[in-house]
Amino acid sequence: MVPKKKGNGAQVPSAQQTEEASVNHWPTQDQIRLRAYQIYLERGARAGQELDDWLRAERELQKVALFARGWNRLERRRERGSEGGN
């Protein structure tokens, strides 16, 4: 699946790609690359901090994936609890 493009030319991950990251609990290289590019654009498209952009993107996406995993775990626990007596 191809990510959607924003007005400034940056691509936005599709819902399927975002869901894949949360299911796998680990961002893909393409997702990291895209987020690093977005960070680069946010910095004014100035070269010289590519590694910092990549590492920041990786950290951000890992946090999102971990949050999603925790959220999914809570949702499953809540669903099991509501099946028992309500």
PDB file of N, CA and C in Angstrom:
ATOM      1  N   MET A   1       0.833  -1.174   0.000  1.00  0.00           N
ATOM      2  CA  MET A   1       0.000   0.000   0.000  1.00  0.00           C
ATOM      3  C   MET A   1       0.884   1.245   0.000  1.00  0.00           C
ATOM      4  N   VAL A   2       0.532   2.241  -0.788  1.00  0.00           N
ATOM      5  CA  VAL A   2       1.313   3.462  -0.935  1.00  0.00           C
ATOM      6  C   VAL A   2       0.771   4.513   0.033  1.00  0.00           C
ATOM      7  N   PRO A   3       1.662   5.160   0.815  1.00  0.00           N
ATOM      8  CA  PRO A   3       1.203   6.200   1.732  1.00  0.00           C
ATOM      9  C   PRO A   3       0.599   7.376   0.971  1.00  0.00           C
ATOM     10  N   LYS A   4      -0.320   8.081   1.632  1.00  0.00           N
ATOM     11  CA  LYS A   4      -0.928   9.268   1.046  1.00  0.00           C
ATOM     12  C   LYS A   4       0.062  10.417   1.117  1.00  0.00           C
ATOM     13  N   LYS A   5      -0.048  11.368   0.186  1.00  0.00           N
ATOM     14  CA  LYS A   5       0.845  12.526   0.185  1.00  0.00           C
ATOM     15  C   LYS A   5       0.149  13.720   0.803  1.00  0.00           C
ATOM     16  N   LYS A   6       0.905  14.480   1.578  1.00  0.00           N
ATOM     17  CA  LYS A   6       0.417  15.738   2.134  1.00  0.00           C
ATOM     18  C   LYS A   6       0.678  16.835   1.111  1.00  0.00           C
ATOM     19  N   GLY A   7       0.152  18.006   1.379  1.00  0.00           N
ATOM     20  CA  GLY A   7       0.316  19.131   0.468  1.00  0.00           C
ATOM     21  C   GLY A   7       1.760  19.518   0.217  1.00  0.00           C
ATOM     22  N   ASN A   8       2.633  19.342   1.204  1.00  0.00           N
ATOM     23  CA  ASN A   8       4.033  19.727   1.040  1.00  0.00           C
ATOM     24  C   ASN A   8       4.874  18.617   0.399  1.00  0.00           C
ATOM     25  N   GLY A   9       4.219  17.545  -0.049  1.00  0.00           N
ATOM     26  CA  GLY A   9       4.943  16.459  -0.699  1.00  0.00           C
ATOM     27  C   GLY A   9       5.326  15.332   0.241  1.00  0.00           C
ATOM     28  N   ALA A  10       5.205  15.539   1.557  1.00  0.00           N
ATOM     29  CA  ALA A  10       5.529  14.478   2.505  1.00  0.00           C
ATOM     30  C   ALA A  10       4.430  13.424   2.467  1.00  0.00           C
ATOM     31  N   GLN A  11       4.814  12.180   2.638  1.00  0.00           N
ATOM     32  CA  GLN A  11       3.842  11.104   2.630  1.00  0.00           C
ATOM     33  C   GLN A  11       3.397  10.806   4.051  1.00  0.00           C
ATOM     34  N   VAL A  12       2.112  10.549   4.198  1.00  0.00           N
ATOM     35  CA  VAL A  12       1.530  10.212   5.490  1.00  0.00           C
ATOM     36  C   VAL A  12       1.265   8.710   5.495  1.00  0.00           C
ATOM     37  N   PRO A  13       1.668   8.000   6.556  1.00  0.00           N
ATOM     38  CA  PRO A  13       1.408   6.565   6.591  1.00  0.00           C
ATOM     39  C   PRO A  13      -0.092   6.286   6.520  1.00  0.00           C
ATOM     40  N   SER A  14      -0.457   5.251   5.795  1.00  0.00           N
ATOM     41  CA  SER A  14      -1.863   4.870   5.697  1.00  0.00           C
ATOM     42  C   SER A  14      -2.304   4.229   7.008  1.00  0.00           C
ATOM     43  N   ALA A  15      -3.601   4.099   7.178  1.00  0.00           N
ATOM     44  CA  ALA A  15      -4.135   3.452   8.375  1.00  0.00           C
ATOM     45  C   ALA A  15      -3.630   2.016   8.467  1.00  0.00           C
ATOM     46  N   GLN A  16      -3.520   1.341   7.321  1.00  0.00           N
ATOM     47  CA  GLN A  16      -3.045  -0.043   7.321  1.00  0.00           C
ATOM     48  C   GLN A  16      -1.592  -0.109   7.793  1.00  0.00           C
ATOM     49  N   GLN A  17      -0.759   0.818   7.348  1.00  0.00           N
ATOM     50  CA  GLN A  17       0.642   0.813   7.776  1.00  0.00           C
ATOM     51  C   GLN A  17       0.746   1.099   9.268  1.00  0.00           C
ATOM     52  N   THR A  18      -0.049   2.032   9.755  1.00  0.00           N
ATOM     53  CA  THR A  18      -0.033   2.345  11.179  1.00  0.00           C
ATOM     54  C   THR A  18      -0.485   1.144  11.991  1.00  0.00           C
ATOM     55  N   GLU A  19      -1.539   0.473  11.504  1.00  0.00           N
ATOM     56  CA  GLU A  19      -2.034  -0.715  12.189  1.00  0.00           C
ATOM     57  C   GLU A  19      -1.001  -1.828  12.159  1.00  0.00           C
ATOM     58  N   GLU A  20      -0.289  -1.991  11.036  1.00  0.00           N
ATOM     59  CA  GLU A  20       0.747  -3.018  10.947  1.00  0.00           C
ATOM     60  C   GLU A  20       1.825  -2.784  11.994  1.00  0.00           C
ATOM     61  N   ALA A  21       2.202  -1.547  12.195  1.00  0.00           N
ATOM     62  CA  ALA A  21       3.228  -1.237  13.190  1.00  0.00           C
ATOM     63  C   ALA A  21       2.740  -1.598  14.583  1.00  0.00           C
ATOM     64  N   SER A  22       1.471  -1.294  14.871  1.00  0.00           N
ATOM     65  CA  SER A  22       0.967  -1.594  16.208  1.00  0.00           C
ATOM     66  C   SER A  22       0.762  -3.090  16.404  1.00  0.00           C
ATOM     67  N   VAL A  23       0.419  -3.816  15.340  1.00  0.00           N
ATOM     68  CA  VAL A  23       0.264  -5.268  15.440  1.00  0.00           C
ATOM     69  C   VAL A  23       1.619  -5.920  15.649  1.00  0.00           C
ATOM     70  N   ASN A  24       2.615  -5.481  14.884  1.00  0.00           N
ATOM     71  CA  ASN A  24       3.961  -6.039  14.997  1.00  0.00           C
ATOM     72  C   ASN A  24       4.703  -5.491  16.211  1.00  0.00           C
ATOM     73  N   HIS A  25       4.228  -4.399  16.761  1.00  0.00           N
ATOM     74  CA  HIS A  25       4.860  -3.754  17.907  1.00  0.00           C
ATOM     75  C   HIS A  25       6.258  -3.246  17.594  1.00  0.00           C
ATOM     76  N   TRP A  26       6.542  -3.069  16.341  1.00  0.00           N
ATOM     77  CA  TRP A  26       7.849  -2.549  15.962  1.00  0.00           C
ATOM     78  C   TRP A  26       7.692  -1.828  14.631  1.00  0.00           C
ATOM     79  N   PRO A  27       8.168  -0.584  14.530  1.00  0.00           N
ATOM     80  CA  PRO A  27       8.009   0.147  13.267  1.00  0.00           C
ATOM     81  C   PRO A  27       8.863  -0.461  12.149  1.00  0.00           C
ATOM     82  N   THR A  28       8.363  -0.368  10.935  1.00  0.00           N
ATOM     83  CA  THR A  28       9.118  -0.851   9.783  1.00  0.00           C
ATOM     84  C   THR A  28      10.148   0.200   9.378  1.00  0.00           C
ATOM     85  N   GLN A  29      11.118  -0.206   8.569  1.00  0.00           N
ATOM     86  CA  GLN A  29      12.124   0.743   8.085  1.00  0.00           C
ATOM     87  C   GLN A  29      11.475   1.826   7.241  1.00  0.00           C
ATOM     88  N   ASP A  30      10.463   1.459   6.463  1.00  0.00           N
ATOM     89  CA  ASP A  30       9.763   2.459   5.650  1.00  0.00           C
ATOM     90  C   ASP A  30       9.065   3.489   6.521  1.00  0.00           C
ATOM     91  N   GLN A  31       8.464   3.055   7.620  1.00  0.00           N
ATOM     92  CA  GLN A  31       7.803   3.996   8.522  1.00  0.00           C
ATOM     93  C   GLN A  31       8.821   4.920   9.182  1.00  0.00           C
ATOM     94  N   ILE A  32       9.945   4.367   9.578  1.00  0.00           N
ATOM     95  CA  ILE A  32      11.000   5.186  10.188  1.00  0.00           C
ATOM     96  C   ILE A  32      11.539   6.176   9.160  1.00  0.00           C
ATOM     97  N   ARG A  33      11.779   5.703   7.952  1.00  0.00           N
ATOM     98  CA  ARG A  33      12.295   6.569   6.886  1.00  0.00           C
ATOM     99  C   ARG A  33      11.333   7.728   6.631  1.00  0.00           C
ATOM    100  N   LEU A  34      10.044   7.424   6.561  1.00  0.00           N
ATOM    101  CA  LEU A  34       9.042   8.452   6.313  1.00  0.00           C
ATOM    102  C   LEU A  34       9.001   9.460   7.452  1.00  0.00           C
ATOM    103  N   ARG A  35       9.009   8.978   8.696  1.00  0.00           N
ATOM    104  CA  ARG A  35       8.964   9.892   9.835  1.00  0.00           C
ATOM    105  C   ARG A  35      10.241  10.731   9.891  1.00  0.00           C
ATOM    106  N   ALA A  36      11.388  10.137   9.596  1.00  0.00           N
ATOM    107  CA  ALA A  36      12.648  10.888   9.584  1.00  0.00           C
ATOM    108  C   ALA A  36      12.587  11.998   8.532  1.00  0.00           C
ATOM    109  N   TYR A  37      11.994  11.697   7.397  1.00  0.00           N
ATOM    110  CA  TYR A  37      11.841  12.717   6.351  1.00  0.00           C
ATOM    111  C   TYR A  37      10.908  13.835   6.820  1.00  0.00           C
ATOM    112  N   GLN A  38       9.839  13.482   7.504  1.00  0.00           N
ATOM    113  CA  GLN A  38       8.931  14.497   8.036  1.00  0.00           C
ATOM    114  C   GLN A  38       9.652  15.392   9.040  1.00  0.00           C
ATOM    115  N   ILE A  39      10.481  14.787   9.884  1.00  0.00           N
ATOM    116  CA  ILE A  39      11.260  15.564  10.861  1.00  0.00           C
ATOM    117  C   ILE A  39      12.218  16.499  10.128  1.00  0.00           C
ATOM    118  N   TYR A  40      12.864  15.990   9.098  1.00  0.00           N
ATOM    119  CA  TYR A  40      13.761  16.791   8.268  1.00  0.00           C
ATOM    120  C   TYR A  40      13.026  18.005   7.702  1.00  0.00           C
ATOM    121  N   LEU A  41      11.825  17.785   7.192  1.00  0.00           N
ATOM    122  CA  LEU A  41      11.040  18.904   6.653  1.00  0.00           C
ATOM    123  C   LEU A  41      10.650  19.880   7.760  1.00  0.00           C
ATOM    124  N   GLU A  42      10.290  19.358   8.920  1.00  0.00           N
ATOM    125  CA  GLU A  42       9.926  20.213  10.055  1.00  0.00           C
ATOM    126  C   GLU A  42      11.101  21.091  10.479  1.00  0.00           C
ATOM    127  N   ARG A  43      12.313  20.600  10.298  1.00  0.00           N
ATOM    128  CA  ARG A  43      13.514  21.369  10.653  1.00  0.00           C
ATOM    129  C   ARG A  43      13.883  22.370   9.572  1.00  0.00           C
ATOM    130  N   GLY A  44      13.093  22.470   8.528  1.00  0.00           N
ATOM    131  CA  GLY A  44      13.392  23.421   7.468  1.00  0.00           C
ATOM    132  C   GLY A  44      14.202  22.824   6.338  1.00  0.00           C
ATOM    133  N   ALA A  45      14.243  21.515   6.233  1.00  0.00           N
ATOM    134  CA  ALA A  45      14.943  20.801   5.156  1.00  0.00           C
ATOM    135  C   ALA A  45      16.428  21.153   5.088  1.00  0.00           C
ATOM    136  N   ARG A  46      17.029  21.315   6.256  1.00  0.00           N
ATOM    137  CA  ARG A  46      18.474  21.579   6.318  1.00  0.00           C
ATOM    138  C   ARG A  46      19.216  20.258   6.518  1.00  0.00           C
ATOM    139  N   ALA A  47      20.204  20.014   5.688  1.00  0.00           N
ATOM    140  CA  ALA A  47      20.986  18.775   5.760  1.00  0.00           C
ATOM    141  C   ALA A  47      21.925  18.791   6.959  1.00  0.00           C
ATOM    142  N   GLY A  48      22.414  17.607   7.310  1.00  0.00           N
ATOM    143  CA  GLY A  48      23.443  17.520   8.333  1.00  0.00           C
ATOM    144  C   GLY A  48      23.024  16.827   9.611  1.00  0.00           C
ATOM    145  N   GLN A  49      21.742  16.509   9.766  1.00  0.00           N
ATOM    146  CA  GLN A  49      21.292  15.852  10.992  1.00  0.00           C
ATOM    147  C   GLN A  49      20.503  14.592  10.676  1.00  0.00           C
ATOM    148  N   GLU A  50      20.898  13.910   9.613  1.00  0.00           N
ATOM    149  CA  GLU A  50      20.159  12.742   9.149  1.00  0.00           C
ATOM    150  C   GLU A  50      20.080  11.648  10.207  1.00  0.00           C
ATOM    151  N   LEU A  51      21.193  11.369  10.862  1.00  0.00           N
ATOM    152  CA  LEU A  51      21.198  10.326  11.882  1.00  0.00           C
ATOM    153  C   LEU A  51      20.304  10.708  13.047  1.00  0.00           C
ATOM    154  N   ASP A  52      20.385  11.955  13.487  1.00  0.00           N
ATOM    155  CA  ASP A  52      19.520  12.418  14.574  1.00  0.00           C
ATOM    156  C   ASP A  52      18.047  12.296  14.193  1.00  0.00           C
ATOM    157  N   ASP A  53      17.724  12.650  12.950  1.00  0.00           N
ATOM    158  CA  ASP A  53      16.340  12.539  12.476  1.00  0.00           C
ATOM    159  C   ASP A  53      15.891  11.085  12.503  1.00  0.00           C
ATOM    160  N   TRP A  54      16.757  10.190  12.035  1.00  0.00           N
ATOM    161  CA  TRP A  54      16.419   8.765  11.980  1.00  0.00           C
ATOM    162  C   TRP A  54      16.186   8.220  13.392  1.00  0.00           C
ATOM    163  N   LEU A  55      17.108   8.530  14.300  1.00  0.00           N
ATOM    164  CA  LEU A  55      16.994   8.015  15.661  1.00  0.00           C
ATOM    165  C   LEU A  55      15.763   8.570  16.378  1.00  0.00           C
ATOM    166  N   ARG A  56      15.475   9.857  16.149  1.00  0.00           N
ATOM    167  CA  ARG A  56      14.273  10.447  16.743  1.00  0.00           C
ATOM    168  C   ARG A  56      13.021   9.765  16.188  1.00  0.00           C
ATOM    169  N   ALA A  57      12.985   9.551  14.885  1.00  0.00           N
ATOM    170  CA  ALA A  57      11.833   8.888  14.257  1.00  0.00           C
ATOM    171  C   ALA A  57      11.659   7.487  14.820  1.00  0.00           C
ATOM    172  N   GLU A  58      12.753   6.778  14.962  1.00  0.00           N
ATOM    173  CA  GLU A  58      12.695   5.419  15.491  1.00  0.00           C
ATOM    174  C   GLU A  58      12.142   5.409  16.911  1.00  0.00           C
ATOM    175  N   ARG A  59      12.632   6.312  17.754  1.00  0.00           N
ATOM    176  CA  ARG A  59      12.140   6.397  19.134  1.00  0.00           C
ATOM    177  C   ARG A  59      10.654   6.726  19.183  1.00  0.00           C
ATOM    178  N   GLU A  60      10.238   7.724  18.394  1.00  0.00           N
ATOM    179  CA  GLU A  60       8.834   8.130  18.384  1.00  0.00           C
ATOM    180  C   GLU A  60       7.927   6.973  17.985  1.00  0.00           C
ATOM    181  N   LEU A  61       8.295   6.283  16.913  1.00  0.00           N
ATOM    182  CA  LEU A  61       7.453   5.198  16.416  1.00  0.00           C
ATOM    183  C   LEU A  61       7.452   3.995  17.359  1.00  0.00           C
ATOM    184  N   GLN A  62       8.566   3.749  18.024  1.00  0.00           N
ATOM    185  CA  GLN A  62       8.605   2.668  19.008  1.00  0.00           C
ATOM    186  C   GLN A  62       7.691   2.993  20.183  1.00  0.00           C
ATOM    187  N   LYS A  63       7.684   4.252  20.605  1.00  0.00           N
ATOM    188  CA  LYS A  63       6.788   4.656  21.698  1.00  0.00           C
ATOM    189  C   LYS A  63       5.334   4.475  21.306  1.00  0.00           C
ATOM    190  N   VAL A  64       4.998   4.860  20.090  1.00  0.00           N
ATOM    191  CA  VAL A  64       3.624   4.692  19.601  1.00  0.00           C
ATOM    192  C   VAL A  64       3.251   3.218  19.588  1.00  0.00           C
ATOM    193  N   ALA A  65       4.152   2.364  19.099  1.00  0.00           N
ATOM    194  CA  ALA A  65       3.874   0.934  19.029  1.00  0.00           C
ATOM    195  C   ALA A  65       3.714   0.345  20.428  1.00  0.00           C
ATOM    196  N   LEU A  66       4.552   0.752  21.364  1.00  0.00           N
ATOM    197  CA  LEU A  66       4.437   0.249  22.734  1.00  0.00           C
ATOM    198  C   LEU A  66       3.142   0.721  23.383  1.00  0.00           C
ATOM    199  N   PHE A  67       2.768   1.969  23.139  1.00  0.00           N
ATOM    200  CA  PHE A  67       1.508   2.482  23.657  1.00  0.00           C
ATOM    201  C   PHE A  67       0.344   1.680  23.093  1.00  0.00           C
ATOM    202  N   ALA A  68       0.369   1.431  21.782  1.00  0.00           N
ATOM    203  CA  ALA A  68      -0.710   0.679  21.141  1.00  0.00           C
ATOM    204  C   ALA A  68      -0.792  -0.731  21.715  1.00  0.00           C
ATOM    205  N   ARG A  69       0.350  -1.352  21.946  1.00  0.00           N
ATOM    206  CA  ARG A  69       0.348  -2.697  22.509  1.00  0.00           C
ATOM    207  C   ARG A  69      -0.271  -2.687  23.900  1.00  0.00           C
ATOM    208  N   GLY A  70       0.115  -1.710  24.720  1.00  0.00           N
ATOM    209  CA  GLY A  70      -0.460  -1.606  26.057  1.00  0.00           C
ATOM    210  C   GLY A  70      -1.950  -1.315  26.006  1.00  0.00           C
ATOM    211  N   TRP A  71      -2.343  -0.437  25.108  1.00  0.00           N
ATOM    212  CA  TRP A  71      -3.756  -0.095  24.956  1.00  0.00           C
ATOM    213  C   TRP A  71      -4.552  -1.322  24.531  1.00  0.00           C
ATOM    214  N   ASN A  72      -4.035  -2.061  23.558  1.00  0.00           N
ATOM    215  CA  ASN A  72      -4.718  -3.263  23.091  1.00  0.00           C
ATOM    216  C   ASN A  72      -4.857  -4.282  24.215  1.00  0.00           C
ATOM    217  N   ARG A  73      -3.835  -4.397  25.027  1.00  0.00           N
ATOM    218  CA  ARG A  73      -3.877  -5.324  26.156  1.00  0.00           C
ATOM    219  C   ARG A  73      -4.970  -4.907  27.130  1.00  0.00           C
ATOM    220  N   LEU A  74      -5.066  -3.613  27.423  1.00  0.00           N
ATOM    221  CA  LEU A  74      -6.113  -3.132  28.321  1.00  0.00           C
ATOM    222  C   LEU A  74      -7.499  -3.356  27.737  1.00  0.00           C
ATOM    223  N   GLU A  75      -7.642  -3.117  26.431  1.00  0.00           N
ATOM    224  CA  GLU A  75      -8.933  -3.334  25.773  1.00  0.00           C
ATOM    225  C   GLU A  75      -9.348  -4.798  25.850  1.00  0.00           C
ATOM    226  N   ARG A  76      -8.413  -5.702  25.614  1.00  0.00           N
ATOM    227  CA  ARG A  76      -8.737  -7.138  25.691  1.00  0.00           C
ATOM    228  C   ARG A  76      -9.135  -7.516  27.109  1.00  0.00           C
ATOM    229  N   ARG A  77      -8.438  -6.981  28.089  1.00  0.00           N
ATOM    230  CA  ARG A  77      -8.754  -7.271  29.495  1.00  0.00           C
ATOM    231  C   ARG A  77     -10.142  -6.739  29.834  1.00  0.00           C
ATOM    232  N   ARG A  78     -10.458  -5.537  29.353  1.00  0.00           N
ATOM    233  CA  ARG A  78     -11.763  -4.933  29.611  1.00  0.00           C
ATOM    234  C   ARG A  78     -12.867  -5.759  28.955  1.00  0.00           C
ATOM    235  N   GLU A  79     -12.620  -6.222  27.728  1.00  0.00           N
ATOM    236  CA  GLU A  79     -13.608  -7.042  27.022  1.00  0.00           C
ATOM    237  C   GLU A  79     -13.854  -8.357  27.742  1.00  0.00           C
ATOM    238  N   ARG A  80     -12.795  -8.979  28.249  1.00  0.00           N
ATOM    239  CA  ARG A  80     -12.958 -10.235  28.986  1.00  0.00           C
ATOM    240  C   ARG A  80     -13.748  -9.990  30.256  1.00  0.00           C
ATOM    241  N   GLY A  81     -13.495  -8.866  30.911  1.00  0.00           N
ATOM    242  CA  GLY A  81     -14.217  -8.546  32.144  1.00  0.00           C
ATOM    243  C   GLY A  81     -15.682  -8.300  31.912  1.00  0.00           C
ATOM    244  N   SER A  82     -16.036  -7.684  30.799  1.00  0.00           N
ATOM    245  CA  SER A  82     -17.437  -7.376  30.513  1.00  0.00           C
ATOM    246  C   SER A  82     -18.192  -8.617  30.040  1.00  0.00           C
ATOM    247  N   GLU A  83     -17.488  -9.610  29.525  1.00  0.00           N
ATOM    248  CA  GLU A  83     -18.147 -10.848  29.092  1.00  0.00           C
ATOM    249  C   GLU A  83     -18.610 -11.661  30.283  1.00  0.00           C
ATOM    250  N   GLY A  84     -17.914 -11.546  31.396  1.00  0.00           N
ATOM    251  CA  GLY A  84     -18.216 -12.385  32.551  1.00  0.00           C
ATOM    252  C   GLY A  84     -19.520 -12.095  33.242  1.00  0.00           C
ATOM    253  N   GLY A  85     -19.842 -10.829  33.507  1.00  0.00           N
ATOM    254  CA  GLY A  85     -21.011 -10.585  34.318  1.00  0.00           C
ATOM    255  C   GLY A  85     -21.940  -9.516  33.806  1.00  0.00           C
ATOM    256  N   ASN A  86     -21.570  -8.795  32.793  1.00  0.00           N
ATOM    257  CA  ASN A  86     -22.422  -7.693  32.347  1.00  0.00           C
ATOM    258  C   ASN A  86     -23.154  -8.032  31.125  1.00  0.00           C
TER     259      ASN A  86
END
